[in-house]
């Protein structure tokens, strides 16, 4: 093929390219902008939003402040659904205050110089074509890669609500204090005998009823407890009674021992003094009768002394009644000092 023919073919190709990339593309972009703006204004969701539309080579860029993520999503749907749109760049910002500002702006078609805000139209285009007024004063459009994610703005209220709920949620106490005067019902496990017990000796027991606070069970019934002898006195041979006093010194809860300061339970056995005197008198009377039979008045005196001595000797070998607290006996105490325990979980 000759050089002249090659040059002719190249000229034809260059002419075709020039025709395809010439004014037709710019007019097409202008049509896209006009069509999208009209649809945005005709939609109830996007009508009051400050959405700016630009187009270049079929690529539409949406920018400006919108009042919510729903408005942003609807604007994207409208742009994508417009015929001739190759792709849509979302550069809109979700701003709740934008709705009030956009409500005061005039509808499309009132701008005096719409060509200044449209990338795809010449600067000297006629003012008869509709365009958004706010686009003439809007800041420079940011690059497409800086498009904000709508989920960031929409997640903020949820995070704020969770933080507020956490602040207002009441703090559960870690400890509970049972006040002075509250009752403690104890069931003995070991038998206690004043004749065998010593001061300071301890005996096993358990809670017969649970410890409660404001209607909640703090320590359940059956929890181990300890009783301690505070004072003890065995019954005497001739006179005097037995005495025994005990108190609660500790309870066990969740494997830990907690000291308890309770009131004292005291009991006393019956004395033997009166019974001793009665039995001694009976012995003296019997001796007097025997002595009178044996030798008259003098014998009665001798027999009385002998009978009285015999009665004393019988009582001298007999103790008074001891204080005995059998196993499974229920004793009631009151707290003499506050009792602090861990709160139930």
C-alpha atoms as a PDB file:
ATOM      1  CA  UNK A   1       0.000   0.000   0.000  1.00  0.00           C
ATOM      2  CA  UNK A   2       1.344   3.440  -0.922  1.00  0.00           C
ATOM      3  CA  UNK A   3       2.106   6.210   1.525  1.00  0.00           C
ATOM      4  CA  UNK A   4      -0.712   8.395   0.205  1.00  0.00           C
ATOM      5  CA  UNK A   5      -3.297   5.682   0.869  1.00  0.00           C
ATOM      6  CA  UNK A   6      -2.023   5.187   4.442  1.00  0.00           C
ATOM      7  CA  UNK A   7      -2.294   8.892   5.128  1.00  0.00           C
ATOM      8  CA  UNK A   8      -5.875   8.867   3.845  1.00  0.00           C
ATOM      9  CA  UNK A   9      -6.928   6.034   6.117  1.00  0.00           C
ATOM     10  CA  UNK A  10      -5.334   7.748   9.126  1.00  0.00           C
ATOM     11  CA  UNK A  11      -7.208  10.963   8.370  1.00  0.00           C
ATOM     12  CA  UNK A  12     -10.539   9.110   8.267  1.00  0.00           C
ATOM     13  CA  UNK A  13      -9.852   7.447  11.646  1.00  0.00           C
ATOM     14  CA  UNK A  14      -8.852  10.729  13.277  1.00  0.00           C
ATOM     15  CA  UNK A  15     -12.039  12.365  12.022  1.00  0.00           C
ATOM     16  CA  UNK A  16     -14.170   9.577  13.503  1.00  0.00           C
ATOM     17  CA  UNK A  17     -12.426   9.888  16.875  1.00  0.00           C
ATOM     18  CA  UNK A  18     -12.872  13.645  16.907  1.00  0.00           C
ATOM     19  CA  UNK A  19     -16.570  13.302  16.144  1.00  0.00           C
ATOM     20  CA  UNK A  20     -17.062  10.743  18.979  1.00  0.00           C
ATOM     21  CA  UNK A  21     -15.241  12.835  21.574  1.00  0.00           C
ATOM     22  CA  UNK A  22     -16.560  16.232  20.551  1.00  0.00           C
ATOM     23  CA  UNK A  23     -19.575  18.273  21.711  1.00  0.00           C
ATOM     24  CA  UNK A  24     -21.808  15.185  21.766  1.00  0.00           C
ATOM     25  CA  UNK A  25     -20.188  13.950  25.041  1.00  0.00           C
ATOM     26  CA  UNK A  26     -20.582  17.328  26.749  1.00  0.00           C
ATOM     27  CA  UNK A  27     -24.233  17.563  25.775  1.00  0.00           C
ATOM     28  CA  UNK A  28     -24.788  14.039  27.088  1.00  0.00           C
ATOM     29  CA  UNK A  29     -23.245  14.946  30.485  1.00  0.00           C
ATOM     30  CA  UNK A  30     -25.427  18.046  30.668  1.00  0.00           C
ATOM     31  CA  UNK A  31     -28.489  15.925  29.989  1.00  0.00           C
ATOM     32  CA  UNK A  32     -27.522  13.521  32.755  1.00  0.00           C
ATOM     33  CA  UNK A  33     -27.103  16.374  35.248  1.00  0.00           C
ATOM     34  CA  UNK A  34     -30.445  17.922  34.295  1.00  0.00           C
ATOM     35  CA  UNK A  35     -32.293  14.624  34.436  1.00  0.00           C
ATOM     36  CA  UNK A  36     -30.854  13.573  37.834  1.00  0.00           C
ATOM     37  CA  UNK A  37     -31.523  16.999  39.381  1.00  0.00           C
ATOM     38  CA  UNK A  38     -35.131  16.872  38.206  1.00  0.00           C
ATOM     39  CA  UNK A  39     -35.594  13.393  39.685  1.00  0.00           C
ATOM     40  CA  UNK A  40     -33.999  14.421  42.990  1.00  0.00           C
ATOM     41  CA  UNK A  41     -36.333  17.395  43.293  1.00  0.00           C
ATOM     42  CA  UNK A  42     -39.355  15.274  42.347  1.00  0.00           C
ATOM     43  CA  UNK A  43     -38.606  12.648  45.033  1.00  0.00           C
ATOM     44  CA  UNK A  44     -40.118  13.284  48.507  1.00  0.00           C
ATOM     45  CA  UNK A  45     -37.040  11.888  50.259  1.00  0.00           C
ATOM     46  CA  UNK A  46     -34.383  13.922  48.422  1.00  0.00           C
ATOM     47  CA  UNK A  47     -36.354  17.083  47.606  1.00  0.00           C
ATOM     48  CA  UNK A  48     -35.059  19.136  50.566  1.00  0.00           C
ATOM     49  CA  UNK A  49     -31.527  17.716  50.461  1.00  0.00           C
ATOM     50  CA  UNK A  50     -28.585  19.779  49.265  1.00  0.00           C
ATOM     51  CA  UNK A  51     -27.339  17.268  46.679  1.00  0.00           C
ATOM     52  CA  UNK A  52     -25.006  18.619  43.988  1.00  0.00           C
ATOM     53  CA  UNK A  53     -24.760  16.720  40.692  1.00  0.00           C
ATOM     54  CA  UNK A  54     -21.776  16.714  38.308  1.00  0.00           C
ATOM     55  CA  UNK A  55     -21.137  14.521  35.266  1.00  0.00           C
ATOM     56  CA  UNK A  56     -18.156  13.833  33.083  1.00  0.00           C
ATOM     57  CA  UNK A  57     -18.017  11.180  30.375  1.00  0.00           C
ATOM     58  CA  UNK A  58     -21.045   9.464  31.901  1.00  0.00           C
ATOM     59  CA  UNK A  59     -19.526   9.314  35.402  1.00  0.00           C
ATOM     60  CA  UNK A  60     -21.816  11.127  37.861  1.00  0.00           C
ATOM     61  CA  UNK A  61     -20.539  12.619  41.126  1.00  0.00           C
ATOM     62  CA  UNK A  62     -22.994  13.354  43.963  1.00  0.00           C
ATOM     63  CA  UNK A  63     -21.780  15.667  46.732  1.00  0.00           C
ATOM     64  CA  UNK A  64     -23.069  18.016  49.417  1.00  0.00           C
ATOM     65  CA  UNK A  65     -24.605  17.629  52.878  1.00  0.00           C
ATOM     66  CA  UNK A  66     -27.664  15.408  53.373  1.00  0.00           C
ATOM     67  CA  UNK A  67     -29.734  15.093  56.554  1.00  0.00           C
ATOM     68  CA  UNK A  68     -29.600  11.284  56.853  1.00  0.00           C
ATOM     69  CA  UNK A  69     -28.187   8.076  55.430  1.00  0.00           C
ATOM     70  CA  UNK A  70     -31.627   7.267  53.977  1.00  0.00           C
ATOM     71  CA  UNK A  71     -31.500  10.430  51.836  1.00  0.00           C
ATOM     72  CA  UNK A  72     -27.977   9.558  50.705  1.00  0.00           C
ATOM     73  CA  UNK A  73     -29.062   6.043  49.700  1.00  0.00           C
ATOM     74  CA  UNK A  74     -32.105   7.318  47.782  1.00  0.00           C
ATOM     75  CA  UNK A  75     -29.998   9.857  45.844  1.00  0.00           C
ATOM     76  CA  UNK A  76     -27.588   7.075  44.854  1.00  0.00           C
ATOM     77  CA  UNK A  77     -30.500   4.922  43.661  1.00  0.00           C
ATOM     78  CA  UNK A  78     -31.890   7.771  41.528  1.00  0.00           C
ATOM     79  CA  UNK A  79     -28.513   8.479  39.937  1.00  0.00           C
ATOM     80  CA  UNK A  80     -27.759   4.827  39.212  1.00  0.00           C
ATOM     81  CA  UNK A  81     -31.199   4.311  37.694  1.00  0.00           C
ATOM     82  CA  UNK A  82     -30.772   7.192  35.213  1.00  0.00           C
ATOM     83  CA  UNK A  83     -30.177   6.041  31.637  1.00  0.00           C
ATOM     84  CA  UNK A  84     -26.726   6.825  30.259  1.00  0.00           C
ATOM     85  CA  UNK A  85     -24.960   6.817  33.681  1.00  0.00           C
ATOM     86  CA  UNK A  86     -21.828   4.672  33.626  1.00  0.00           C
ATOM     87  CA  UNK A  87     -21.039   4.896  37.348  1.00  0.00           C
ATOM     88  CA  UNK A  88     -21.764   7.069  40.411  1.00  0.00           C
ATOM     89  CA  UNK A  89     -19.227   8.516  42.877  1.00  0.00           C
ATOM     90  CA  UNK A  90     -20.763   9.139  46.315  1.00  0.00           C
ATOM     91  CA  UNK A  91     -19.151  12.141  48.014  1.00  0.00           C
ATOM     92  CA  UNK A  92     -22.173  13.159  50.080  1.00  0.00           C
ATOM     93  CA  UNK A  93     -21.854  13.823  53.825  1.00  0.00           C
ATOM     94  CA  UNK A  94     -24.534  12.902  56.345  1.00  0.00           C
ATOM     95  CA  UNK A  95     -25.259  16.018  58.389  1.00  0.00           C
ATOM     96  CA  UNK A  96     -28.507  16.377  60.362  1.00  0.00           C
ATOM     97  CA  UNK A  97     -28.407  20.159  60.120  1.00  0.00           C
ATOM     98  CA  UNK A  98     -28.378  20.067  56.321  1.00  0.00           C
ATOM     99  CA  UNK A  99     -32.125  19.475  56.085  1.00  0.00           C
ATOM    100  CA  UNK A 100     -33.030  22.835  57.619  1.00  0.00           C
ATOM    101  CA  UNK A 101     -30.654  24.707  55.301  1.00  0.00           C
ATOM    102  CA  UNK A 102     -31.831  22.941  52.157  1.00  0.00           C
ATOM    103  CA  UNK A 103     -35.484  23.652  52.983  1.00  0.00           C
ATOM    104  CA  UNK A 104     -34.942  27.383  52.462  1.00  0.00           C
ATOM    105  CA  UNK A 105     -33.287  27.056  49.030  1.00  0.00           C
ATOM    106  CA  UNK A 106     -35.240  27.573  45.756  1.00  0.00           C
ATOM    107  CA  UNK A 107     -35.987  24.612  43.444  1.00  0.00           C
ATOM    108  CA  UNK A 108     -33.858  23.854  40.373  1.00  0.00           C
ATOM    109  CA  UNK A 109     -34.235  26.227  37.418  1.00  0.00           C
ATOM    110  CA  UNK A 110     -33.750  29.542  39.286  1.00  0.00           C
ATOM    111  CA  UNK A 111     -29.968  29.714  38.947  1.00  0.00           C
ATOM    112  CA  UNK A 112     -28.662  32.553  36.777  1.00  0.00           C
ATOM    113  CA  UNK A 113     -25.445  30.793  35.791  1.00  0.00           C
ATOM    114  CA  UNK A 114     -25.847  27.034  36.021  1.00  0.00           C
ATOM    115  CA  UNK A 115     -22.924  26.380  33.731  1.00  0.00           C
ATOM    116  CA  UNK A 116     -20.435  27.263  36.485  1.00  0.00           C
ATOM    117  CA  UNK A 117     -21.431  24.250  38.587  1.00  0.00           C
ATOM    118  CA  UNK A 118     -21.501  21.652  35.833  1.00  0.00           C
ATOM    119  CA  UNK A 119     -18.233  20.106  34.832  1.00  0.00           C
ATOM    120  CA  UNK A 120     -19.653  18.681  31.608  1.00  0.00           C
ATOM    121  CA  UNK A 121     -21.101  21.991  30.237  1.00  0.00           C
ATOM    122  CA  UNK A 122     -19.355  25.059  28.862  1.00  0.00           C
ATOM    123  CA  UNK A 123     -19.067  28.126  31.058  1.00  0.00           C
ATOM    124  CA  UNK A 124     -21.172  30.105  28.620  1.00  0.00           C
ATOM    125  CA  UNK A 125     -24.228  27.740  28.501  1.00  0.00           C
ATOM    126  CA  UNK A 126     -27.730  29.217  28.429  1.00  0.00           C
ATOM    127  CA  UNK A 127     -29.481  29.841  31.778  1.00  0.00           C
ATOM    128  CA  UNK A 128     -32.667  28.098  30.585  1.00  0.00           C
ATOM    129  CA  UNK A 129     -31.404  24.701  31.762  1.00  0.00           C
ATOM    130  CA  UNK A 130     -32.185  23.860  35.436  1.00  0.00           C
ATOM    131  CA  UNK A 131     -29.359  23.605  37.973  1.00  0.00           C
ATOM    132  CA  UNK A 132     -29.086  23.702  41.765  1.00  0.00           C
ATOM    133  CA  UNK A 133     -28.434  27.181  43.191  1.00  0.00           C
ATOM    134  CA  UNK A 134     -26.409  25.860  46.107  1.00  0.00           C
ATOM    135  CA  UNK A 135     -23.839  24.332  43.732  1.00  0.00           C
ATOM    136  CA  UNK A 136     -22.540  27.752  42.740  1.00  0.00           C
ATOM    137  CA  UNK A 137     -21.339  28.427  46.290  1.00  0.00           C
ATOM    138  CA  UNK A 138     -20.381  24.910  47.371  1.00  0.00           C
ATOM    139  CA  UNK A 139     -16.791  24.065  48.330  1.00  0.00           C
ATOM    140  CA  UNK A 140     -14.504  22.135  45.982  1.00  0.00           C
ATOM    141  CA  UNK A 141     -15.474  18.527  45.400  1.00  0.00           C
ATOM    142  CA  UNK A 142     -13.284  16.019  47.233  1.00  0.00           C
ATOM    143  CA  UNK A 143     -11.679  13.079  45.395  1.00  0.00           C
ATOM    144  CA  UNK A 144     -13.831   9.982  45.026  1.00  0.00           C
ATOM    145  CA  UNK A 145     -11.630   7.871  47.323  1.00  0.00           C
ATOM    146  CA  UNK A 146     -12.604  10.033  50.305  1.00  0.00           C
ATOM    147  CA  UNK A 147     -16.279   8.970  50.143  1.00  0.00           C
ATOM    148  CA  UNK A 148     -17.523   8.631  53.753  1.00  0.00           C
ATOM    149  CA  UNK A 149     -19.254   5.441  54.839  1.00  0.00           C
ATOM    150  CA  UNK A 150     -22.877   6.069  55.871  1.00  0.00           C
ATOM    151  CA  UNK A 151     -22.662   3.437  58.592  1.00  0.00           C
ATOM    152  CA  UNK A 152     -20.213   5.565  60.597  1.00  0.00           C
ATOM    153  CA  UNK A 153     -22.701   8.350  61.119  1.00  0.00           C
ATOM    154  CA  UNK A 154     -25.652   6.063  61.686  1.00  0.00           C
ATOM    155  CA  UNK A 155     -23.807   4.019  64.341  1.00  0.00           C
ATOM    156  CA  UNK A 156     -23.090   7.023  66.537  1.00  0.00           C
ATOM    157  CA  UNK A 157     -26.574   7.241  68.116  1.00  0.00           C
ATOM    158  CA  UNK A 158     -26.450   3.542  69.050  1.00  0.00           C
ATOM    159  CA  UNK A 159     -23.080   3.933  70.717  1.00  0.00           C
ATOM    160  CA  UNK A 160     -24.259   7.009  72.606  1.00  0.00           C
ATOM    161  CA  UNK A 161     -27.378   5.216  73.841  1.00  0.00           C
ATOM    162  CA  UNK A 162     -25.317   2.249  75.058  1.00  0.00           C
ATOM    163  CA  UNK A 163     -22.943   4.542  76.920  1.00  0.00           C
ATOM    164  CA  UNK A 164     -25.851   6.407  78.522  1.00  0.00           C
ATOM    165  CA  UNK A 165     -27.489   3.142  79.556  1.00  0.00           C
ATOM    166  CA  UNK A 166     -24.233   1.993  81.120  1.00  0.00           C
ATOM    167  CA  UNK A 167     -23.952   5.228  83.105  1.00  0.00           C
ATOM    168  CA  UNK A 168     -27.510   5.052  84.433  1.00  0.00           C
ATOM    169  CA  UNK A 169     -27.467   1.343  85.242  1.00  0.00           C
ATOM    170  CA  UNK A 170     -27.386   0.866  89.039  1.00  0.00           C
ATOM    171  CA  UNK A 171     -24.212  -0.656  90.428  1.00  0.00           C
ATOM    172  CA  UNK A 172     -24.813  -3.926  92.229  1.00  0.00           C
ATOM    173  CA  UNK A 173     -23.290  -3.923  95.755  1.00  0.00           C
ATOM    174  CA  UNK A 174     -20.510  -6.396  96.422  1.00  0.00           C
ATOM    175  CA  UNK A 175     -21.269  -6.661 100.159  1.00  0.00           C
ATOM    176  CA  UNK A 176     -24.367  -6.771 102.352  1.00  0.00           C
ATOM    177  CA  UNK A 177     -24.444  -5.725 106.013  1.00  0.00           C
ATOM    178  CA  UNK A 178     -26.963  -7.303 108.391  1.00  0.00           C
ATOM    179  CA  UNK A 179     -27.747  -4.745 111.129  1.00  0.00           C
ATOM    180  CA  UNK A 180     -27.498  -5.030 114.900  1.00  0.00           C
ATOM    181  CA  UNK A 181     -30.517  -6.686 116.509  1.00  0.00           C
ATOM    182  CA  UNK A 182     -31.368  -9.073 113.678  1.00  0.00           C
ATOM    183  CA  UNK A 183     -32.123 -12.591 114.849  1.00  0.00           C
ATOM    184  CA  UNK A 184     -29.930 -15.623 114.223  1.00  0.00           C
ATOM    185  CA  UNK A 185     -31.602 -18.986 114.673  1.00  0.00           C
ATOM    186  CA  UNK A 186     -29.092 -21.753 115.433  1.00  0.00           C
ATOM    187  CA  UNK A 187     -29.549 -25.551 115.548  1.00  0.00           C
ATOM    188  CA  UNK A 188     -27.008 -27.383 117.716  1.00  0.00           C
ATOM    189  CA  UNK A 189     -25.103 -30.338 116.268  1.00  0.00           C
ATOM    190  CA  UNK A 190     -23.149 -31.285 119.407  1.00  0.00           C
ATOM    191  CA  UNK A 191     -24.739 -31.830 122.810  1.00  0.00           C
ATOM    192  CA  UNK A 192     -23.556 -29.409 125.528  1.00  0.00           C
ATOM    193  CA  UNK A 193     -23.347 -30.377 129.242  1.00  0.00           C
ATOM    194  CA  UNK A 194     -22.441 -27.877 131.974  1.00  0.00           C
ATOM    195  CA  UNK A 195     -20.880 -30.698 133.969  1.00  0.00           C
ATOM    196  CA  UNK A 196     -18.353 -31.396 131.206  1.00  0.00           C
ATOM    197  CA  UNK A 197     -17.954 -28.122 129.300  1.00  0.00           C
ATOM    198  CA  UNK A 198     -15.171 -25.574 129.807  1.00  0.00           C
ATOM    199  CA  UNK A 199     -15.028 -21.832 129.159  1.00  0.00           C
ATOM    200  CA  UNK A 200     -13.862 -21.159 125.581  1.00  0.00           C
ATOM    201  CA  UNK A 201     -14.804 -24.618 124.341  1.00  0.00           C
ATOM    202  CA  UNK A 202     -16.544 -24.619 120.950  1.00  0.00           C
ATOM    203  CA  UNK A 203     -19.366 -26.756 119.628  1.00  0.00           C
ATOM    204  CA  UNK A 204     -20.679 -27.390 116.147  1.00  0.00           C
ATOM    205  CA  UNK A 205     -23.999 -25.971 114.978  1.00  0.00           C
ATOM    206  CA  UNK A 206     -25.766 -24.687 111.841  1.00  0.00           C
ATOM    207  CA  UNK A 207     -28.211 -21.983 110.752  1.00  0.00           C
ATOM    208  CA  UNK A 208     -31.763 -23.135 111.359  1.00  0.00           C
ATOM    209  CA  UNK A 209     -33.168 -20.236 109.290  1.00  0.00           C
ATOM    210  CA  UNK A 210     -31.467 -18.258 106.493  1.00  0.00           C
ATOM    211  CA  UNK A 211     -29.924 -14.841 107.036  1.00  0.00           C
ATOM    212  CA  UNK A 212     -31.806 -12.304 104.908  1.00  0.00           C
ATOM    213  CA  UNK A 213     -31.497  -8.643 103.932  1.00  0.00           C
ATOM    214  CA  UNK A 214     -34.285  -6.660 102.244  1.00  0.00           C
ATOM    215  CA  UNK A 215     -36.062  -9.876 101.310  1.00  0.00           C
ATOM    216  CA  UNK A 216     -32.990 -11.520  99.740  1.00  0.00           C
ATOM    217  CA  UNK A 217     -31.380 -14.643 101.176  1.00  0.00           C
ATOM    218  CA  UNK A 218     -27.773 -13.829 102.008  1.00  0.00           C
ATOM    219  CA  UNK A 219     -26.759 -17.056 103.786  1.00  0.00           C
ATOM    220  CA  UNK A 220     -29.008 -20.118 103.381  1.00  0.00           C
ATOM    221  CA  UNK A 221     -30.252 -22.334 106.189  1.00  0.00           C
ATOM    222  CA  UNK A 222     -27.902 -25.191 107.013  1.00  0.00           C
ATOM    223  CA  UNK A 223     -24.721 -23.106 106.758  1.00  0.00           C
ATOM    224  CA  UNK A 224     -22.188 -24.249 109.398  1.00  0.00           C
ATOM    225  CA  UNK A 225     -21.930 -22.175 112.587  1.00  0.00           C
ATOM    226  CA  UNK A 226     -19.877 -22.308 115.792  1.00  0.00           C
ATOM    227  CA  UNK A 227     -21.036 -21.906 119.409  1.00  0.00           C
ATOM    228  CA  UNK A 228     -18.603 -21.045 122.196  1.00  0.00           C
ATOM    229  CA  UNK A 229     -18.928 -21.457 125.976  1.00  0.00           C
ATOM    230  CA  UNK A 230     -18.795 -18.033 127.659  1.00  0.00           C
ATOM    231  CA  UNK A 231     -19.310 -19.141 131.246  1.00  0.00           C
ATOM    232  CA  UNK A 232     -20.026 -22.442 132.960  1.00  0.00           C
ATOM    233  CA  UNK A 233     -20.607 -23.596 136.559  1.00  0.00           C
ATOM    234  CA  UNK A 234     -21.289 -27.160 137.538  1.00  0.00           C
ATOM    235  CA  UNK A 235     -23.892 -27.885 140.249  1.00  0.00           C
ATOM    236  CA  UNK A 236     -22.489 -28.132 143.844  1.00  0.00           C
ATOM    237  CA  UNK A 237     -22.842 -31.085 146.209  1.00  0.00           C
ATOM    238  CA  UNK A 238     -24.855 -29.289 148.922  1.00  0.00           C
ATOM    239  CA  UNK A 239     -26.150 -26.021 147.523  1.00  0.00           C
ATOM    240  CA  UNK A 240     -25.827 -23.849 144.416  1.00  0.00           C
ATOM    241  CA  UNK A 241     -27.129 -24.427 140.889  1.00  0.00           C
ATOM    242  CA  UNK A 242     -25.442 -25.093 137.561  1.00  0.00           C
ATOM    243  CA  UNK A 243     -25.073 -22.293 134.995  1.00  0.00           C
ATOM    244  CA  UNK A 244     -24.143 -22.226 131.306  1.00  0.00           C
ATOM    245  CA  UNK A 245     -23.945 -19.440 128.718  1.00  0.00           C
ATOM    246  CA  UNK A 246     -23.038 -19.689 125.033  1.00  0.00           C
ATOM    247  CA  UNK A 247     -22.963 -17.377 122.005  1.00  0.00           C
ATOM    248  CA  UNK A 248     -22.434 -17.606 118.241  1.00  0.00           C
ATOM    249  CA  UNK A 249     -18.844 -16.791 117.251  1.00  0.00           C
ATOM    250  CA  UNK A 250     -18.757 -17.590 113.517  1.00  0.00           C
ATOM    251  CA  UNK A 251     -20.569 -18.866 110.446  1.00  0.00           C
ATOM    252  CA  UNK A 252     -19.207 -20.385 107.236  1.00  0.00           C
ATOM    253  CA  UNK A 253     -20.311 -19.188 103.785  1.00  0.00           C
ATOM    254  CA  UNK A 254     -18.861 -20.212 100.404  1.00  0.00           C
ATOM    255  CA  UNK A 255     -15.889 -21.839 102.099  1.00  0.00           C
ATOM    256  CA  UNK A 256     -14.968 -18.776 104.181  1.00  0.00           C
ATOM    257  CA  UNK A 257     -15.429 -18.190 107.906  1.00  0.00           C
ATOM    258  CA  UNK A 258     -16.989 -14.921 109.088  1.00  0.00           C
ATOM    259  CA  UNK A 259     -16.801 -13.785 112.709  1.00  0.00           C
ATOM    260  CA  UNK A 260     -20.095 -13.133 114.473  1.00  0.00           C
ATOM    261  CA  UNK A 261     -20.703 -11.056 117.616  1.00  0.00           C
ATOM    262  CA  UNK A 262     -24.024 -12.204 119.037  1.00  0.00           C
ATOM    263  CA  UNK A 263     -25.977 -11.982 122.254  1.00  0.00           C
ATOM    264  CA  UNK A 264     -25.482 -14.681 124.907  1.00  0.00           C
ATOM    265  CA  UNK A 265     -27.833 -17.561 125.574  1.00  0.00           C
ATOM    266  CA  UNK A 266     -27.796 -18.487 129.303  1.00  0.00           C
ATOM    267  CA  UNK A 267     -29.487 -21.278 131.267  1.00  0.00           C
ATOM    268  CA  UNK A 268     -29.358 -22.494 134.850  1.00  0.00           C
ATOM    269  CA  UNK A 269     -30.154 -25.869 136.389  1.00  0.00           C
ATOM    270  CA  UNK A 270     -32.337 -26.381 139.484  1.00  0.00           C
ATOM    271  CA  UNK A 271     -30.571 -26.021 142.845  1.00  0.00           C
ATOM    272  CA  UNK A 272     -30.385 -28.999 145.262  1.00  0.00           C
ATOM    273  CA  UNK A 273     -30.239 -26.940 148.533  1.00  0.00           C
ATOM    274  CA  UNK A 274     -33.961 -27.142 149.414  1.00  0.00           C
ATOM    275  CA  UNK A 275     -34.170 -30.782 148.470  1.00  0.00           C
ATOM    276  CA  UNK A 276     -31.116 -31.497 150.638  1.00  0.00           C
ATOM    277  CA  UNK A 277     -32.703 -29.756 153.663  1.00  0.00           C
ATOM    278  CA  UNK A 278     -35.947 -31.643 153.232  1.00  0.00           C
ATOM    279  CA  UNK A 279     -34.264 -34.985 152.992  1.00  0.00           C
ATOM    280  CA  UNK A 280     -31.984 -34.193 155.947  1.00  0.00           C
ATOM    281  CA  UNK A 281     -35.025 -33.219 158.041  1.00  0.00           C
ATOM    282  CA  UNK A 282     -36.778 -36.443 157.179  1.00  0.00           C
ATOM    283  CA  UNK A 283     -33.729 -38.381 158.293  1.00  0.00           C
ATOM    284  CA  UNK A 284     -33.611 -36.538 161.641  1.00  0.00           C
ATOM    285  CA  UNK A 285     -37.299 -37.181 162.330  1.00  0.00           C
ATOM    286  CA  UNK A 286     -36.930 -40.864 161.619  1.00  0.00           C
ATOM    287  CA  UNK A 287     -33.944 -41.032 163.958  1.00  0.00           C
ATOM    288  CA  UNK A 288     -35.881 -39.355 166.761  1.00  0.00           C
ATOM    289  CA  UNK A 289     -38.709 -41.921 166.521  1.00  0.00           C
ATOM    290  CA  UNK A 290     -36.229 -44.764 166.634  1.00  0.00           C
ATOM    291  CA  UNK A 291     -34.390 -43.176 169.643  1.00  0.00           C
ATOM    292  CA  UNK A 292     -37.643 -42.624 171.595  1.00  0.00           C
ATOM    293  CA  UNK A 293     -38.609 -46.242 171.245  1.00  0.00           C
ATOM    294  CA  UNK A 294     -35.186 -47.286 172.412  1.00  0.00           C
ATOM    295  CA  UNK A 295     -34.667 -45.008 175.403  1.00  0.00           C
ATOM    296  CA  UNK A 296     -37.182 -42.177 175.914  1.00  0.00           C
ATOM    297  CA  UNK A 297     -36.404 -38.499 175.576  1.00  0.00           C
ATOM    298  CA  UNK A 298     -32.677 -38.829 175.723  1.00  0.00           C
ATOM    299  CA  UNK A 299     -32.798 -41.551 173.154  1.00  0.00           C
ATOM    300  CA  UNK A 300     -34.943 -39.374 170.903  1.00  0.00           C
ATOM    301  CA  UNK A 301     -32.277 -36.644 170.920  1.00  0.00           C
ATOM    302  CA  UNK A 302     -29.566 -39.143 170.156  1.00  0.00           C
ATOM    303  CA  UNK A 303     -31.649 -40.741 167.386  1.00  0.00           C
ATOM    304  CA  UNK A 304     -32.453 -37.354 165.844  1.00  0.00           C
ATOM    305  CA  UNK A 305     -28.772 -36.466 165.598  1.00  0.00           C
ATOM    306  CA  UNK A 306     -27.983 -39.827 164.121  1.00  0.00           C
ATOM    307  CA  UNK A 307     -30.820 -39.621 161.618  1.00  0.00           C
ATOM    308  CA  UNK A 308     -29.810 -36.111 160.569  1.00  0.00           C
ATOM    309  CA  UNK A 309     -26.251 -37.182 160.035  1.00  0.00           C
ATOM    310  CA  UNK A 310     -27.364 -40.048 157.844  1.00  0.00           C
ATOM    311  CA  UNK A 311     -29.463 -37.714 155.724  1.00  0.00           C
ATOM    312  CA  UNK A 312     -26.542 -35.327 155.181  1.00  0.00           C
ATOM    313  CA  UNK A 313     -24.305 -38.131 154.124  1.00  0.00           C
ATOM    314  CA  UNK A 314     -26.818 -39.262 151.430  1.00  0.00           C
ATOM    315  CA  UNK A 315     -27.086 -35.781 149.930  1.00  0.00           C
ATOM    316  CA  UNK A 316     -23.380 -35.160 150.051  1.00  0.00           C
ATOM    317  CA  UNK A 317     -22.989 -37.806 147.343  1.00  0.00           C
ATOM    318  CA  UNK A 318     -25.670 -36.311 145.057  1.00  0.00           C
ATOM    319  CA  UNK A 319     -25.033 -33.339 142.654  1.00  0.00           C
ATOM    320  CA  UNK A 320     -27.611 -30.745 141.625  1.00  0.00           C
ATOM    321  CA  UNK A 321     -29.088 -30.764 138.114  1.00  0.00           C
ATOM    322  CA  UNK A 322     -26.642 -29.906 135.312  1.00  0.00           C
ATOM    323  CA  UNK A 323     -27.534 -27.681 132.330  1.00  0.00           C
ATOM    324  CA  UNK A 324     -27.754 -29.852 129.255  1.00  0.00           C
ATOM    325  CA  UNK A 325     -28.432 -28.659 125.699  1.00  0.00           C
ATOM    326  CA  UNK A 326     -29.116 -31.711 123.539  1.00  0.00           C
ATOM    327  CA  UNK A 327     -28.184 -32.007 119.876  1.00  0.00           C
ATOM    328  CA  UNK A 328     -30.767 -30.570 117.417  1.00  0.00           C
ATOM    329  CA  UNK A 329     -31.825 -27.907 119.937  1.00  0.00           C
ATOM    330  CA  UNK A 330     -32.829 -24.588 118.364  1.00  0.00           C
ATOM    331  CA  UNK A 331     -31.393 -21.506 120.071  1.00  0.00           C
ATOM    332  CA  UNK A 332     -32.191 -17.911 119.137  1.00  0.00           C
ATOM    333  CA  UNK A 333     -29.600 -15.119 119.306  1.00  0.00           C
ATOM    334  CA  UNK A 334     -29.467 -11.479 118.208  1.00  0.00           C
ATOM    335  CA  UNK A 335     -26.574  -9.695 116.536  1.00  0.00           C
ATOM    336  CA  UNK A 336     -24.629  -7.519 118.943  1.00  0.00           C
ATOM    337  CA  UNK A 337     -22.590  -5.985 116.079  1.00  0.00           C
ATOM    338  CA  UNK A 338     -23.246  -5.583 112.317  1.00  0.00           C
ATOM    339  CA  UNK A 339     -22.401  -8.624 110.201  1.00  0.00           C
ATOM    340  CA  UNK A 340     -20.938  -7.903 106.746  1.00  0.00           C
ATOM    341  CA  UNK A 341     -21.132 -10.664 104.144  1.00  0.00           C
ATOM    342  CA  UNK A 342     -20.547 -10.877 100.368  1.00  0.00           C
ATOM    343  CA  UNK A 343     -23.632 -10.107  98.310  1.00  0.00           C
ATOM    344  CA  UNK A 344     -25.216 -13.128  96.580  1.00  0.00           C
ATOM    345  CA  UNK A 345     -24.697 -13.395  92.799  1.00  0.00           C
END
